[in-house]
Amino acid sequence: MAGKAAHDAQFWASVAGLTAALAVVAAYLAGGPRLVWAVAAVEVVLVMAHVAHRFRGRAQLGAVPHTREAAHCERCLRTKERLDGGPAAH
């Protein structure tokens, strides 16, 4: 299923890119370079808003505590278990 989701995302990214290019061409034909700059600025703001919306949920709020019990990544977890003699010990 991940393949279909990636394909759909690639399709919609292509549609958005084509639409943006057509908007710039239309702006040039309608009003010249100043309108092209305006359309490009709006496109940049829209892309930035989209990225902020997508990655807002992925951001970790708060600092990771750096105590002996903290395992903020897989490598740290394995090291901690090895030091404690846990399941990852070899």
PDB file of N, CA and C in Angstrom:
ATOM      1  N   MET A   1       0.813  -1.200   0.000  1.00  0.00           N
ATOM      2  CA  MET A   1       0.000   0.000   0.000  1.00  0.00           C
ATOM      3  C   MET A   1       0.853   1.259   0.000  1.00  0.00           C
ATOM      4  N   ALA A   2       2.071   1.165   0.545  1.00  0.00           N
ATOM      5  CA  ALA A   2       2.935   2.337   0.563  1.00  0.00           C
ATOM      6  C   ALA A   2       3.314   2.765  -0.847  1.00  0.00           C
ATOM      7  N   GLY A   3       3.389   1.811  -1.756  1.00  0.00           N
ATOM      8  CA  GLY A   3       3.717   2.134  -3.130  1.00  0.00           C
ATOM      9  C   GLY A   3       2.658   2.996  -3.777  1.00  0.00           C
ATOM     10  N   LYS A   4       1.386   2.679  -3.510  1.00  0.00           N
ATOM     11  CA  LYS A   4       0.286   3.465  -4.072  1.00  0.00           C
ATOM     12  C   LYS A   4       0.274   4.865  -3.488  1.00  0.00           C
ATOM     13  N   ALA A   5       0.525   4.986  -2.196  1.00  0.00           N
ATOM     14  CA  ALA A   5       0.550   6.306  -1.556  1.00  0.00           C
ATOM     15  C   ALA A   5       1.686   7.156  -2.124  1.00  0.00           C
ATOM     16  N   ALA A   6       2.840   6.546  -2.337  1.00  0.00           N
ATOM     17  CA  ALA A   6       3.966   7.280  -2.907  1.00  0.00           C
ATOM     18  C   ALA A   6       3.666   7.685  -4.344  1.00  0.00           C
ATOM     19  N   HIS A   7       3.018   6.797  -5.080  1.00  0.00           N
ATOM     20  CA  HIS A   7       2.657   7.110  -6.475  1.00  0.00           C
ATOM     21  C   HIS A   7       1.654   8.256  -6.510  1.00  0.00           C
ATOM     22  N   ASP A   8       0.652   8.217  -5.623  1.00  0.00           N
ATOM     23  CA  ASP A   8      -0.338   9.299  -5.562  1.00  0.00           C
ATOM     24  C   ASP A   8       0.308  10.628  -5.192  1.00  0.00           C
ATOM     25  N   ALA A   9       1.221  10.597  -4.237  1.00  0.00           N
ATOM     26  CA  ALA A   9       1.915  11.829  -3.826  1.00  0.00           C
ATOM     27  C   ALA A   9       2.744  12.384  -4.983  1.00  0.00           C
ATOM     28  N   GLN A  10       3.399  11.494  -5.718  1.00  0.00           N
ATOM     29  CA  GLN A  10       4.204  11.940  -6.855  1.00  0.00           C
ATOM     30  C   GLN A  10       3.302  12.531  -7.942  1.00  0.00           C
ATOM     31  N   PHE A  11       2.153  11.914  -8.162  1.00  0.00           N
ATOM     32  CA  PHE A  11       1.215  12.426  -9.159  1.00  0.00           C
ATOM     33  C   PHE A  11       0.744  13.828  -8.793  1.00  0.00           C
ATOM     34  N   TRP A  12       0.329  14.014  -7.532  1.00  0.00           N
ATOM     35  CA  TRP A  12      -0.197  15.326  -7.124  1.00  0.00           C
ATOM     36  C   TRP A  12       0.907  16.377  -7.076  1.00  0.00           C
ATOM     37  N   ALA A  13       2.126  15.973  -6.765  1.00  0.00           N
ATOM     38  CA  ALA A  13       3.243  16.920  -6.816  1.00  0.00           C
ATOM     39  C   ALA A  13       3.491  17.364  -8.261  1.00  0.00           C
ATOM     40  N   SER A  14       3.357  16.438  -9.192  1.00  0.00           N
ATOM     41  CA  SER A  14       3.508  16.790 -10.610  1.00  0.00           C
ATOM     42  C   SER A  14       2.407  17.736 -11.065  1.00  0.00           C
ATOM     43  N   VAL A  15       1.188  17.468 -10.626  1.00  0.00           N
ATOM     44  CA  VAL A  15       0.064  18.345 -10.975  1.00  0.00           C
ATOM     45  C   VAL A  15       0.290  19.743 -10.410  1.00  0.00           C
ATOM     46  N   ALA A  16       0.751  19.815  -9.164  1.00  0.00           N
ATOM     47  CA  ALA A  16       1.000  21.119  -8.540  1.00  0.00           C
ATOM     48  C   ALA A  16       2.123  21.859  -9.266  1.00  0.00           C
ATOM     49  N   GLY A  17       3.175  21.156  -9.654  1.00  0.00           N
ATOM     50  CA  GLY A  17       4.271  21.790 -10.381  1.00  0.00           C
ATOM     51  C   GLY A  17       3.835  22.309 -11.741  1.00  0.00           C
ATOM     52  N   LEU A  18       3.041  21.521 -12.456  1.00  0.00           N
ATOM     53  CA  LEU A  18       2.535  21.954 -13.755  1.00  0.00           C
ATOM     54  C   LEU A  18       1.607  23.157 -13.605  1.00  0.00           C
ATOM     55  N   THR A  19       0.762  23.131 -12.599  1.00  0.00           N
ATOM     56  CA  THR A  19      -0.143  24.253 -12.349  1.00  0.00           C
ATOM     57  C   THR A  19       0.644  25.521 -12.021  1.00  0.00           C
ATOM     58  N   ALA A  20       1.683  25.389 -11.210  1.00  0.00           N
ATOM     59  CA  ALA A  20       2.508  26.548 -10.862  1.00  0.00           C
ATOM     60  C   ALA A  20       3.191  27.123 -12.101  1.00  0.00           C
ATOM     61  N   ALA A  21       3.697  26.239 -12.955  1.00  0.00           N
ATOM     62  CA  ALA A  21       4.354  26.722 -14.174  1.00  0.00           C
ATOM     63  C   ALA A  21       3.358  27.429 -15.088  1.00  0.00           C
ATOM     64  N   LEU A  22       2.178  26.875 -15.231  1.00  0.00           N
ATOM     65  CA  LEU A  22       1.157  27.516 -16.066  1.00  0.00           C
ATOM     66  C   LEU A  22       0.711  28.855 -15.479  1.00  0.00           C
ATOM     67  N   ALA A  23       0.648  28.950 -14.138  1.00  0.00           N
ATOM     68  CA  ALA A  23       0.276  30.209 -13.506  1.00  0.00           C
ATOM     69  C   ALA A  23       1.312  31.290 -13.783  1.00  0.00           C
ATOM     70  N   VAL A  24       2.582  30.920 -13.776  1.00  0.00           N
ATOM     71  CA  VAL A  24       3.635  31.893 -14.058  1.00  0.00           C
ATOM     72  C   VAL A  24       3.562  32.354 -15.515  1.00  0.00           C
ATOM     73  N   VAL A  25       3.340  31.421 -16.426  1.00  0.00           N
ATOM     74  CA  VAL A  25       3.223  31.789 -17.845  1.00  0.00           C
ATOM     75  C   VAL A  25       2.016  32.696 -18.055  1.00  0.00           C
ATOM     76  N   ALA A  26       0.890  32.343 -17.439  1.00  0.00           N
ATOM     77  CA  ALA A  26      -0.313  33.172 -17.574  1.00  0.00           C
ATOM     78  C   ALA A  26      -0.090  34.558 -16.978  1.00  0.00           C
ATOM     79  N   ALA A  27       0.619  34.628 -15.856  1.00  0.00           N
ATOM     80  CA  ALA A  27       0.904  35.921 -15.236  1.00  0.00           C
ATOM     81  C   ALA A  27       1.774  36.773 -16.150  1.00  0.00           C
ATOM     82  N   TYR A  28       2.739  36.149 -16.805  1.00  0.00           N
ATOM     83  CA  TYR A  28       3.604  36.902 -17.712  1.00  0.00           C
ATOM     84  C   TYR A  28       2.808  37.440 -18.901  1.00  0.00           C
ATOM     85  N   LEU A  29       1.946  36.595 -19.448  1.00  0.00           N
ATOM     86  CA  LEU A  29       1.149  37.023 -20.597  1.00  0.00           C
ATOM     87  C   LEU A  29       0.125  38.088 -20.208  1.00  0.00           C
ATOM     88  N   ALA A  30      -0.368  38.024 -18.976  1.00  0.00           N
ATOM     89  CA  ALA A  30      -1.410  38.960 -18.551  1.00  0.00           C
ATOM     90  C   ALA A  30      -0.847  40.290 -18.068  1.00  0.00           C
ATOM     91  N   GLY A  31       0.273  40.253 -17.333  1.00  0.00           N
ATOM     92  CA  GLY A  31       0.701  41.499 -16.725  1.00  0.00           C
ATOM     93  C   GLY A  31       2.180  41.762 -16.713  1.00  0.00           C
ATOM     94  N   GLY A  32       2.959  40.897 -17.272  1.00  0.00           N
ATOM     95  CA  GLY A  32       4.387  41.150 -17.330  1.00  0.00           C
ATOM     96  C   GLY A  32       5.137  40.675 -16.101  1.00  0.00           C
ATOM     97  N   PRO A  33       6.374  41.115 -15.977  1.00  0.00           N
ATOM     98  CA  PRO A  33       7.263  40.622 -14.923  1.00  0.00           C
ATOM     99  C   PRO A  33       6.787  40.885 -13.490  1.00  0.00           C
ATOM    100  N   ARG A  34       6.110  41.989 -13.264  1.00  0.00           N
ATOM    101  CA  ARG A  34       5.648  42.272 -11.892  1.00  0.00           C
ATOM    102  C   ARG A  34       4.621  41.254 -11.433  1.00  0.00           C
ATOM    103  N   LEU A  35       3.723  40.872 -12.300  1.00  0.00           N
ATOM    104  CA  LEU A  35       2.722  39.865 -11.937  1.00  0.00           C
ATOM    105  C   LEU A  35       3.374  38.495 -11.768  1.00  0.00           C
ATOM    106  N   VAL A  36       4.422  38.215 -12.533  1.00  0.00           N
ATOM    107  CA  VAL A  36       5.151  36.953 -12.361  1.00  0.00           C
ATOM    108  C   VAL A  36       5.755  36.887 -10.962  1.00  0.00           C
ATOM    109  N   TRP A  37       6.357  37.999 -10.517  1.00  0.00           N
ATOM    110  CA  TRP A  37       6.920  38.032  -9.157  1.00  0.00           C
ATOM    111  C   TRP A  37       5.832  37.821  -8.111  1.00  0.00           C
ATOM    112  N   ALA A  38       4.679  38.410  -8.308  1.00  0.00           N
ATOM    113  CA  ALA A  38       3.581  38.244  -7.352  1.00  0.00           C
ATOM    114  C   ALA A  38       3.101  36.797  -7.310  1.00  0.00           C
ATOM    115  N   VAL A  39       2.923  36.195  -8.464  1.00  0.00           N
ATOM    116  CA  VAL A  39       2.476  34.802  -8.510  1.00  0.00           C
ATOM    117  C   VAL A  39       3.524  33.889  -7.882  1.00  0.00           C
ATOM    118  N   ALA A  40       4.791  34.121  -8.183  1.00  0.00           N
ATOM    119  CA  ALA A  40       5.859  33.308  -7.599  1.00  0.00           C
ATOM    120  C   ALA A  40       5.899  33.457  -6.078  1.00  0.00           C
ATOM    121  N   ALA A  41       5.691  34.651  -5.588  1.00  0.00           N
ATOM    122  CA  ALA A  41       5.679  34.870  -4.131  1.00  0.00           C
ATOM    123  C   ALA A  41       4.529  34.115  -3.472  1.00  0.00           C
ATOM    124  N   VAL A  42       3.357  34.151  -4.095  1.00  0.00           N
ATOM    125  CA  VAL A  42       2.202  33.421  -3.557  1.00  0.00           C
ATOM    126  C   VAL A  42       2.490  31.921  -3.562  1.00  0.00           C
ATOM    127  N   GLU A  43       3.104  31.420  -4.632  1.00  0.00           N
ATOM    128  CA  GLU A  43       3.432  29.999  -4.703  1.00  0.00           C
ATOM    129  C   GLU A  43       4.405  29.599  -3.598  1.00  0.00           C
ATOM    130  N   VAL A  44       5.393  30.429  -3.340  1.00  0.00           N
ATOM    131  CA  VAL A  44       6.362  30.128  -2.286  1.00  0.00           C
ATOM    132  C   VAL A  44       5.666  30.090  -0.928  1.00  0.00           C
ATOM    133  N   VAL A  45       4.794  31.030  -0.667  1.00  0.00           N
ATOM    134  CA  VAL A  45       4.067  31.053   0.609  1.00  0.00           C
ATOM    135  C   VAL A  45       3.190  29.809   0.747  1.00  0.00           C
ATOM    136  N   LEU A  46       2.527  29.407  -0.331  1.00  0.00           N
ATOM    137  CA  LEU A  46       1.687  28.212  -0.278  1.00  0.00           C
ATOM    138  C   LEU A  46       2.512  26.949  -0.012  1.00  0.00           C
ATOM    139  N   VAL A  47       3.669  26.836  -0.640  1.00  0.00           N
ATOM    140  CA  VAL A  47       4.527  25.676  -0.406  1.00  0.00           C
ATOM    141  C   VAL A  47       5.026  25.666   1.035  1.00  0.00           C
ATOM    142  N   MET A  48       5.423  26.820   1.538  1.00  0.00           N
ATOM    143  CA  MET A  48       5.895  26.890   2.922  1.00  0.00           C
ATOM    144  C   MET A  48       4.785  26.529   3.905  1.00  0.00           C
ATOM    145  N   ALA A  49       3.575  26.970   3.647  1.00  0.00           N
ATOM    146  CA  ALA A  49       2.442  26.635   4.523  1.00  0.00           C
ATOM    147  C   ALA A  49       2.147  25.136   4.469  1.00  0.00           C
ATOM    148  N   HIS A  50       2.239  24.553   3.288  1.00  0.00           N
ATOM    149  CA  HIS A  50       1.996  23.117   3.152  1.00  0.00           C
ATOM    150  C   HIS A  50       3.037  22.304   3.915  1.00  0.00           C
ATOM    151  N   VAL A  51       4.293  22.667   3.777  1.00  0.00           N
ATOM    152  CA  VAL A  51       5.361  21.955   4.478  1.00  0.00           C
ATOM    153  C   VAL A  51       5.204  22.112   5.991  1.00  0.00           C
ATOM    154  N   ALA A  52       4.887  23.305   6.429  1.00  0.00           N
ATOM    155  CA  ALA A  52       4.689  23.528   7.870  1.00  0.00           C
ATOM    156  C   ALA A  52       3.538  22.690   8.398  1.00  0.00           C
ATOM    157  N   HIS A  53       2.476  22.590   7.643  1.00  0.00           N
ATOM    158  CA  HIS A  53       1.311  21.798   8.066  1.00  0.00           C
ATOM    159  C   HIS A  53       1.650  20.312   8.127  1.00  0.00           C
ATOM    160  N   ARG A  54       2.379  19.817   7.130  1.00  0.00           N
ATOM    161  CA  ARG A  54       2.710  18.385   7.091  1.00  0.00           C
ATOM    162  C   ARG A  54       3.654  17.972   8.201  1.00  0.00           C
ATOM    163  N   PHE A  55       4.618  18.820   8.521  1.00  0.00           N
ATOM    164  CA  PHE A  55       5.637  18.421   9.471  1.00  0.00           C
ATOM    165  C   PHE A  55       5.402  18.932  10.884  1.00  0.00           C
ATOM    166  N   ARG A  56       4.331  19.669  11.099  1.00  0.00           N
ATOM    167  CA  ARG A  56       4.034  20.161  12.448  1.00  0.00           C
ATOM    168  C   ARG A  56       3.793  18.996  13.403  1.00  0.00           C
ATOM    169  N   GLY A  57       3.075  17.993  12.947  1.00  0.00           N
ATOM    170  CA  GLY A  57       2.783  16.843  13.794  1.00  0.00           C
ATOM    171  C   GLY A  57       3.992  15.980  14.082  1.00  0.00           C
ATOM    172  N   ARG A  58       4.990  16.042  13.240  1.00  0.00           N
ATOM    173  CA  ARG A  58       6.177  15.218  13.433  1.00  0.00           C
ATOM    174  C   ARG A  58       7.186  15.837  14.384  1.00  0.00           C
ATOM    175  N   ALA A  59       7.030  17.091  14.680  1.00  0.00           N
ATOM    176  CA  ALA A  59       7.992  17.779  15.551  1.00  0.00           C
ATOM    177  C   ALA A  59       7.831  17.262  16.975  1.00  0.00           C
ATOM    178  N   GLN A  60       8.938  17.083  17.618  1.00  0.00           N
ATOM    179  CA  GLN A  60       8.898  16.656  19.015  1.00  0.00           C
ATOM    180  C   GLN A  60       8.877  17.892  19.894  1.00  0.00           C
ATOM    181  N   LEU A  61       7.881  17.959  20.737  1.00  0.00           N
ATOM    182  CA  LEU A  61       7.780  19.089  21.643  1.00  0.00           C
ATOM    183  C   LEU A  61       8.538  18.777  22.919  1.00  0.00           C
ATOM    184  N   GLY A  62       9.302  19.728  23.371  1.00  0.00           N
ATOM    185  CA  GLY A  62      10.068  19.546  24.602  1.00  0.00           C
ATOM    186  C   GLY A  62      11.419  18.926  24.331  1.00  0.00           C
ATOM    187  N   ALA A  63      12.302  19.088  25.282  1.00  0.00           N
ATOM    188  CA  ALA A  63      13.656  18.558  25.145  1.00  0.00           C
ATOM    189  C   ALA A  63      13.681  17.104  25.591  1.00  0.00           C
ATOM    190  N   VAL A  64      14.592  16.351  25.027  1.00  0.00           N
ATOM    191  CA  VAL A  64      14.775  14.962  25.422  1.00  0.00           C
ATOM    192  C   VAL A  64      15.618  14.953  26.686  1.00  0.00           C
ATOM    193  N   PRO A  65      15.134  14.290  27.738  1.00  0.00           N
ATOM    194  CA  PRO A  65      15.920  14.262  28.975  1.00  0.00           C
ATOM    195  C   PRO A  65      17.177  13.419  28.776  1.00  0.00           C
ATOM    196  N   HIS A  66      18.306  13.925  29.224  1.00  0.00           N
ATOM    197  CA  HIS A  66      19.570  13.214  29.073  1.00  0.00           C
ATOM    198  C   HIS A  66      19.945  12.577  30.409  1.00  0.00           C
ATOM    199  N   THR A  67      19.151  11.612  30.816  1.00  0.00           N
ATOM    200  CA  THR A  67      19.449  10.860  32.030  1.00  0.00           C
ATOM    201  C   THR A  67      19.908   9.472  31.630  1.00  0.00           C
ATOM    202  N   ARG A  68      20.338   8.699  32.584  1.00  0.00           N
ATOM    203  CA  ARG A  68      20.811   7.344  32.291  1.00  0.00           C
ATOM    204  C   ARG A  68      19.690   6.475  31.740  1.00  0.00           C
ATOM    205  N   GLU A  69      18.456   6.710  32.133  1.00  0.00           N
ATOM    206  CA  GLU A  69      17.328   5.904  31.688  1.00  0.00           C
ATOM    207  C   GLU A  69      16.789   6.346  30.325  1.00  0.00           C
ATOM    208  N   ALA A  70      17.197   7.507  29.856  1.00  0.00           N
ATOM    209  CA  ALA A  70      16.672   8.029  28.598  1.00  0.00           C
ATOM    210  C   ALA A  70      17.274   7.259  27.425  1.00  0.00           C
ATOM    211  N   ALA A  71      16.395   6.878  26.500  1.00  0.00           N
ATOM    212  CA  ALA A  71      16.844   6.227  25.268  1.00  0.00           C
ATOM    213  C   ALA A  71      16.119   6.928  24.124  1.00  0.00           C
ATOM    214  N   HIS A  72      16.701   8.009  23.636  1.00  0.00           N
ATOM    215  CA  HIS A  72      16.031   8.821  22.636  1.00  0.00           C
ATOM    216  C   HIS A  72      16.263   8.326  21.221  1.00  0.00           C
ATOM    217  N   CYS A  73      17.071   7.311  21.037  1.00  0.00           N
ATOM    218  CA  CYS A  73      17.238   6.722  19.716  1.00  0.00           C
ATOM    219  C   CYS A  73      17.572   5.246  19.877  1.00  0.00           C
ATOM    220  N   GLU A  74      17.477   4.502  18.798  1.00  0.00           N
ATOM    221  CA  GLU A  74      17.726   3.062  18.846  1.00  0.00           C
ATOM    222  C   GLU A  74      19.158   2.744  19.274  1.00  0.00           C
ATOM    223  N   ARG A  75      20.108   3.514  18.798  1.00  0.00           N
ATOM    224  CA  ARG A  75      21.505   3.279  19.165  1.00  0.00           C
ATOM    225  C   ARG A  75      21.716   3.477  20.661  1.00  0.00           C
ATOM    226  N   CYS A  76      21.094   4.523  21.214  1.00  0.00           N
ATOM    227  CA  CYS A  76      21.229   4.766  22.654  1.00  0.00           C
ATOM    228  C   CYS A  76      20.548   3.667  23.457  1.00  0.00           C
ATOM    229  N   LEU A  77      19.410   3.174  22.948  1.00  0.00           N
ATOM    230  CA  LEU A  77      18.708   2.093  23.636  1.00  0.00           C
ATOM    231  C   LEU A  77      19.576   0.840  23.681  1.00  0.00           C
ATOM    232  N   ARG A  78      20.198   0.484  22.555  1.00  0.00           N
ATOM    233  CA  ARG A  78      21.059  -0.705  22.528  1.00  0.00           C
ATOM    234  C   ARG A  78      22.259  -0.534  23.459  1.00  0.00           C
ATOM    235  N   THR A  79      22.850   0.655  23.467  1.00  0.00           N
ATOM    236  CA  THR A  79      23.994   0.899  24.345  1.00  0.00           C
ATOM    237  C   THR A  79      23.587   0.793  25.809  1.00  0.00           C
ATOM    238  N   LYS A  80      22.439   1.368  26.145  1.00  0.00           N
ATOM    239  CA  LYS A  80      21.956   1.310  27.520  1.00  0.00           C
ATOM    240  C   LYS A  80      21.695  -0.131  27.944  1.00  0.00           C
ATOM    241  N   GLU A  81      21.049  -0.907  27.058  1.00  0.00           N
ATOM    242  CA  GLU A  81      20.772  -2.306  27.393  1.00  0.00           C
ATOM    243  C   GLU A  81      22.062  -3.104  27.532  1.00  0.00           C
ATOM    244  N   ARG A  82      23.055  -2.820  26.688  1.00  0.00           N
ATOM    245  CA  ARG A  82      24.334  -3.520  26.773  1.00  0.00           C
ATOM    246  C   ARG A  82      25.011  -3.199  28.095  1.00  0.00           C
ATOM    247  N   LEU A  83      24.977  -1.946  28.511  1.00  0.00           N
ATOM    248  CA  LEU A  83      25.603  -1.550  29.785  1.00  0.00           C
ATOM    249  C   LEU A  83      24.871  -2.149  30.979  1.00  0.00           C
ATOM    250  N   ASP A  84      23.548  -2.250  30.880  1.00  0.00           N
ATOM    251  CA  ASP A  84      22.754  -2.792  31.976  1.00  0.00           C
ATOM    252  C   ASP A  84      22.689  -4.306  31.962  1.00  0.00           C
ATOM    253  N   GLY A  85      23.166  -4.956  30.881  1.00  0.00           N
ATOM    254  CA  GLY A  85      23.109  -6.417  30.778  1.00  0.00           C
ATOM    255  C   GLY A  85      21.727  -6.888  30.340  1.00  0.00           C
ATOM    256  N   GLY A  86      21.031  -6.068  29.598  1.00  0.00           N
ATOM    257  CA  GLY A  86      19.665  -6.399  29.158  1.00  0.00           C
ATOM    258  C   GLY A  86      19.664  -7.270  27.923  1.00  0.00           C
ATOM    259  N   PRO A  87      18.504  -7.328  27.216  1.00  0.00           N
ATOM    260  CA  PRO A  87      18.342  -8.222  26.063  1.00  0.00           C
ATOM    261  C   PRO A  87      19.290  -7.947  24.909  1.00  0.00           C
ATOM    262  N   ALA A  88      19.779  -6.739  24.756  1.00  0.00           N
ATOM    263  CA  ALA A  88      20.650  -6.424  23.630  1.00  0.00           C
ATOM    264  C   ALA A  88      22.103  -6.803  23.910  1.00  0.00           C
ATOM    265  N   ALA A  89      22.395  -7.309  25.117  1.00  0.00           N
ATOM    266  CA  ALA A  89      23.772  -7.677  25.459  1.00  0.00           C
ATOM    267  C   ALA A  89      24.179  -8.908  24.675  1.00  0.00           C
ATOM    268  N   HIS A  90      25.432  -8.925  24.200  1.00  0.00           N
ATOM    269  CA  HIS A  90      25.915 -10.043  23.393  1.00  0.00           C
ATOM    270  C   HIS A  90      26.959 -10.795  24.151  1.00  0.00           C
TER     271      HIS A  90
END
